[in-house]
Amino acid sequence: DQRLAHRLGRAPGLPRQVEHTALARPLFLGVADPADPARLVAAITATAVASSPGAPPVGELSLVAVRPDWRRRGLGAALVAAALAHLADAGVRTALTYVDAGNESALAFFTQTGFQERGARVYYEPQDR
C-alpha cells in the first residue's frame, strides 16, 4: 500500500487549543443515482483520529468510491473537497488515505486532488493452508 497525505490549512476562527484537541464527528457522504435514489454512485468517509497523546488529530479518508460508469464527472473530487473541509473545520491540518500500490487510477486521482505520497506499508497475510 502507498500512503498519501494532504496538508490542510488551519480552519479560520478556531482557537489554537481546540485545533489540537477537537476530533471531528465521522462523516459519511453519498451521492445517489438520480434514476434510482436507493443506489449510491459515489461515497466517502472521513474521520479525525488522535495520532498520539498531545499531538494534533489526523484526518483519515477511509472510503473513497465512485462507480466506474460515474467516474470522470467530478464526483470524487467534490467528495474529497467536502471531506477535507469537514476535517479542517474540526482543526485537522493533515489528512491521509491508503491506496493499493497497483491502483494507478486512484494514485493519479489523489495526486490531482493535492495528496502527496508519504510512505509505503507492507501487509502480510497468512498463506492458505
C-alpha atoms as a PDB file:
ATOM      1  CA  ASP A   1       0.000   0.000   0.000  1.00  0.00           C
ATOM      2  CA  GLN A   2       1.078   3.560  -0.583  1.00  0.00           C
ATOM      3  CA  ARG A   3       0.139   6.187   1.959  1.00  0.00           C
ATOM      4  CA  LEU A   4      -0.806   9.593   0.653  1.00  0.00           C
ATOM      5  CA  ALA A   5      -1.065  12.672   2.830  1.00  0.00           C
ATOM      6  CA  HIS A   6      -2.691  16.041   2.255  1.00  0.00           C
ATOM      7  CA  ARG A   7      -1.868  19.187   4.220  1.00  0.00           C
ATOM      8  CA  LEU A   8      -4.836  21.304   5.249  1.00  0.00           C
ATOM      9  CA  GLY A   9      -4.903  24.948   6.190  1.00  0.00           C
ATOM     10  CA  ARG A  10      -5.969  25.907   9.691  1.00  0.00           C
ATOM     11  CA  ALA A  11      -9.705  26.495   9.900  1.00  0.00           C
ATOM     12  CA  PRO A  12     -10.363  30.237  10.409  1.00  0.00           C
ATOM     13  CA  GLY A  13     -11.758  31.233  13.777  1.00  0.00           C
ATOM     14  CA  LEU A  14     -10.721  28.078  15.652  1.00  0.00           C
ATOM     15  CA  PRO A  15      -8.902  28.754  18.909  1.00  0.00           C
ATOM     16  CA  ARG A  16      -5.426  27.204  18.862  1.00  0.00           C
ATOM     17  CA  GLN A  17      -6.168  24.906  21.847  1.00  0.00           C
ATOM     18  CA  VAL A  18      -9.204  23.480  20.033  1.00  0.00           C
ATOM     19  CA  GLU A  19      -7.110  22.923  16.927  1.00  0.00           C
ATOM     20  CA  HIS A  20      -5.062  20.349  18.812  1.00  0.00           C
ATOM     21  CA  THR A  21      -7.821  18.578  20.724  1.00  0.00           C
ATOM     22  CA  ALA A  22     -11.018  18.548  18.673  1.00  0.00           C
ATOM     23  CA  LEU A  23     -11.943  15.342  16.908  1.00  0.00           C
ATOM     24  CA  ALA A  24     -14.481  15.699  14.135  1.00  0.00           C
ATOM     25  CA  ARG A  25     -17.600  13.618  14.077  1.00  0.00           C
ATOM     26  CA  PRO A  26     -17.199  10.859  11.499  1.00  0.00           C
ATOM     27  CA  LEU A  27     -18.500  11.956   8.130  1.00  0.00           C
ATOM     28  CA  PHE A  28     -20.223   9.843   5.509  1.00  0.00           C
ATOM     29  CA  LEU A  29     -21.306  11.425   2.249  1.00  0.00           C
ATOM     30  CA  GLY A  30     -23.061   9.562  -0.517  1.00  0.00           C
ATOM     31  CA  VAL A  31     -24.291  10.526  -3.954  1.00  0.00           C
ATOM     32  CA  ALA A  32     -27.463   8.786  -5.125  1.00  0.00           C
ATOM     33  CA  ASP A  33     -28.212   7.815  -8.701  1.00  0.00           C
ATOM     34  CA  PRO A  34     -30.935  10.231  -9.868  1.00  0.00           C
ATOM     35  CA  ALA A  35     -32.606   7.385 -11.787  1.00  0.00           C
ATOM     36  CA  ASP A  36     -32.529   5.091  -8.740  1.00  0.00           C
ATOM     37  CA  PRO A  37     -32.167   7.048  -5.471  1.00  0.00           C
ATOM     38  CA  ALA A  38     -31.647   3.840  -3.478  1.00  0.00           C
ATOM     39  CA  ARG A  39     -28.393   3.198  -5.385  1.00  0.00           C
ATOM     40  CA  LEU A  40     -25.238   5.057  -4.378  1.00  0.00           C
ATOM     41  CA  VAL A  41     -22.914   6.028  -7.206  1.00  0.00           C
ATOM     42  CA  ALA A  42     -20.229   7.646  -5.046  1.00  0.00           C
ATOM     43  CA  ALA A  43     -19.335   7.793  -1.357  1.00  0.00           C
ATOM     44  CA  ILE A  44     -16.664   8.950   1.060  1.00  0.00           C
ATOM     45  CA  THR A  45     -15.991   8.594   4.786  1.00  0.00           C
ATOM     46  CA  ALA A  46     -13.738  10.873   6.803  1.00  0.00           C
ATOM     47  CA  THR A  47     -12.715  10.625  10.434  1.00  0.00           C
ATOM     48  CA  ALA A  48     -10.371  12.624  12.645  1.00  0.00           C
ATOM     49  CA  VAL A  49      -8.266  10.366  14.832  1.00  0.00           C
ATOM     50  CA  ALA A  50      -5.854  11.122  17.655  1.00  0.00           C
ATOM     51  CA  SER A  51      -2.433  10.147  16.339  1.00  0.00           C
ATOM     52  CA  SER A  52      -0.774  10.185  19.768  1.00  0.00           C
ATOM     53  CA  PRO A  53      -1.345  11.904  23.130  1.00  0.00           C
ATOM     54  CA  GLY A  54      -0.796  15.642  22.816  1.00  0.00           C
ATOM     55  CA  ALA A  55      -0.411  15.527  19.034  1.00  0.00           C
ATOM     56  CA  PRO A  56      -2.873  17.211  16.681  1.00  0.00           C
ATOM     57  CA  PRO A  57      -5.569  14.939  15.234  1.00  0.00           C
ATOM     58  CA  VAL A  58      -5.056  13.416  11.803  1.00  0.00           C
ATOM     59  CA  GLY A  59      -7.859  13.096   9.266  1.00  0.00           C
ATOM     60  CA  GLU A  60      -8.370   9.806   7.510  1.00  0.00           C
ATOM     61  CA  LEU A  61     -10.315   9.212   4.325  1.00  0.00           C
ATOM     62  CA  SER A  62     -11.119   5.533   4.687  1.00  0.00           C
ATOM     63  CA  LEU A  63     -13.581   5.121   1.831  1.00  0.00           C
ATOM     64  CA  VAL A  64     -13.495   6.983  -1.434  1.00  0.00           C
ATOM     65  CA  ALA A  65     -15.537   5.202  -4.057  1.00  0.00           C
ATOM     66  CA  VAL A  66     -17.154   6.137  -7.351  1.00  0.00           C
ATOM     67  CA  ARG A  67     -18.852   3.539  -9.543  1.00  0.00           C
ATOM     68  CA  PRO A  68     -16.872   3.064 -12.772  1.00  0.00           C
ATOM     69  CA  ASP A  69     -19.686   4.330 -15.002  1.00  0.00           C
ATOM     70  CA  TRP A  70     -19.891   7.549 -12.925  1.00  0.00           C
ATOM     71  CA  ARG A  71     -16.174   8.391 -12.906  1.00  0.00           C
ATOM     72  CA  ARG A  72     -14.637  11.453 -14.587  1.00  0.00           C
ATOM     73  CA  ARG A  73     -17.624  13.651 -13.709  1.00  0.00           C
ATOM     74  CA  GLY A  74     -16.062  15.428 -10.731  1.00  0.00           C
ATOM     75  CA  LEU A  75     -17.922  13.451  -8.057  1.00  0.00           C
ATOM     76  CA  GLY A  76     -14.794  12.072  -6.406  1.00  0.00           C
ATOM     77  CA  ALA A  77     -13.043  15.448  -6.329  1.00  0.00           C
ATOM     78  CA  ALA A  78     -16.179  17.124  -4.915  1.00  0.00           C
ATOM     79  CA  LEU A  79     -16.489  14.484  -2.184  1.00  0.00           C
ATOM     80  CA  VAL A  80     -12.798  14.760  -1.258  1.00  0.00           C
ATOM     81  CA  ALA A  81     -13.077  18.566  -1.091  1.00  0.00           C
ATOM     82  CA  ALA A  82     -16.149  18.323   1.159  1.00  0.00           C
ATOM     83  CA  ALA A  83     -14.471  15.771   3.435  1.00  0.00           C
ATOM     84  CA  LEU A  84     -11.292  17.854   3.726  1.00  0.00           C
ATOM     85  CA  ALA A  85     -13.371  20.956   4.536  1.00  0.00           C
ATOM     86  CA  HIS A  86     -15.207  18.984   7.250  1.00  0.00           C
ATOM     87  CA  LEU A  87     -11.888  17.901   8.757  1.00  0.00           C
ATOM     88  CA  ALA A  88     -10.390  21.406   8.524  1.00  0.00           C
ATOM     89  CA  ASP A  89     -13.436  22.817  10.333  1.00  0.00           C
ATOM     90  CA  ALA A  90     -12.570  20.461  13.209  1.00  0.00           C
ATOM     91  CA  GLY A  91      -8.977  21.733  13.339  1.00  0.00           C
ATOM     92  CA  VAL A  92      -7.413  18.858  11.437  1.00  0.00           C
ATOM     93  CA  ARG A  93      -4.371  20.037   9.475  1.00  0.00           C
ATOM     94  CA  THR A  94      -3.226  16.743   7.949  1.00  0.00           C
ATOM     95  CA  ALA A  95      -5.300  14.079   6.238  1.00  0.00           C
ATOM     96  CA  LEU A  96      -4.275  10.749   4.806  1.00  0.00           C
ATOM     97  CA  THR A  97      -5.651   7.869   2.842  1.00  0.00           C
ATOM     98  CA  TYR A  98      -4.354   4.482   1.786  1.00  0.00           C
ATOM     99  CA  VAL A  99      -4.154   3.341  -1.812  1.00  0.00           C
ATOM    100  CA  ASP A 100      -3.083  -0.013  -3.200  1.00  0.00           C
ATOM    101  CA  ALA A 101       0.278   0.454  -4.937  1.00  0.00           C
ATOM    102  CA  GLY A 102      -1.088  -1.129  -8.122  1.00  0.00           C
ATOM    103  CA  ASN A 103      -4.134   1.129  -8.357  1.00  0.00           C
ATOM    104  CA  GLU A 104      -2.736   3.642 -10.844  1.00  0.00           C
ATOM    105  CA  SER A 105      -6.044   5.457 -11.386  1.00  0.00           C
ATOM    106  CA  ALA A 106      -6.517   6.039  -7.647  1.00  0.00           C
ATOM    107  CA  LEU A 107      -2.912   7.193  -7.279  1.00  0.00           C
ATOM    108  CA  ALA A 108      -3.403   9.667 -10.137  1.00  0.00           C
ATOM    109  CA  PHE A 109      -6.737  10.850  -8.699  1.00  0.00           C
ATOM    110  CA  PHE A 110      -5.323  11.564  -5.241  1.00  0.00           C
ATOM    111  CA  THR A 111      -2.277  13.294  -6.722  1.00  0.00           C
ATOM    112  CA  GLN A 112      -4.624  15.521  -8.751  1.00  0.00           C
ATOM    113  CA  THR A 113      -6.606  16.386  -5.608  1.00  0.00           C
ATOM    114  CA  GLY A 114      -3.471  17.570  -3.794  1.00  0.00           C
ATOM    115  CA  PHE A 115      -2.261  14.481  -1.951  1.00  0.00           C
ATOM    116  CA  GLN A 116       1.410  13.541  -1.909  1.00  0.00           C
ATOM    117  CA  GLU A 117       2.959  10.128  -1.379  1.00  0.00           C
ATOM    118  CA  ARG A 118       4.438   9.957   2.123  1.00  0.00           C
ATOM    119  CA  GLY A 119       5.376   6.335   2.531  1.00  0.00           C
ATOM    120  CA  ALA A 120       4.510   2.728   1.973  1.00  0.00           C
ATOM    121  CA  ARG A 121       3.333  -0.110   4.180  1.00  0.00           C
ATOM    122  CA  VAL A 122       3.657  -3.799   3.612  1.00  0.00           C
ATOM    123  CA  TYR A 123       0.869  -6.061   4.796  1.00  0.00           C
ATOM    124  CA  TYR A 124       1.359  -9.744   5.458  1.00  0.00           C
ATOM    125  CA  GLU A 125      -1.375 -12.321   5.247  1.00  0.00           C
ATOM    126  CA  PRO A 126      -1.213 -15.976   6.247  1.00  0.00           C
ATOM    127  CA  GLN A 127      -0.799 -18.401   3.404  1.00  0.00           C
ATOM    128  CA  ASP A 128      -3.747 -20.619   2.535  1.00  0.00           C
ATOM    129  CA  ARG A 129      -3.463 -23.958   4.294  1.00  0.00           C
END
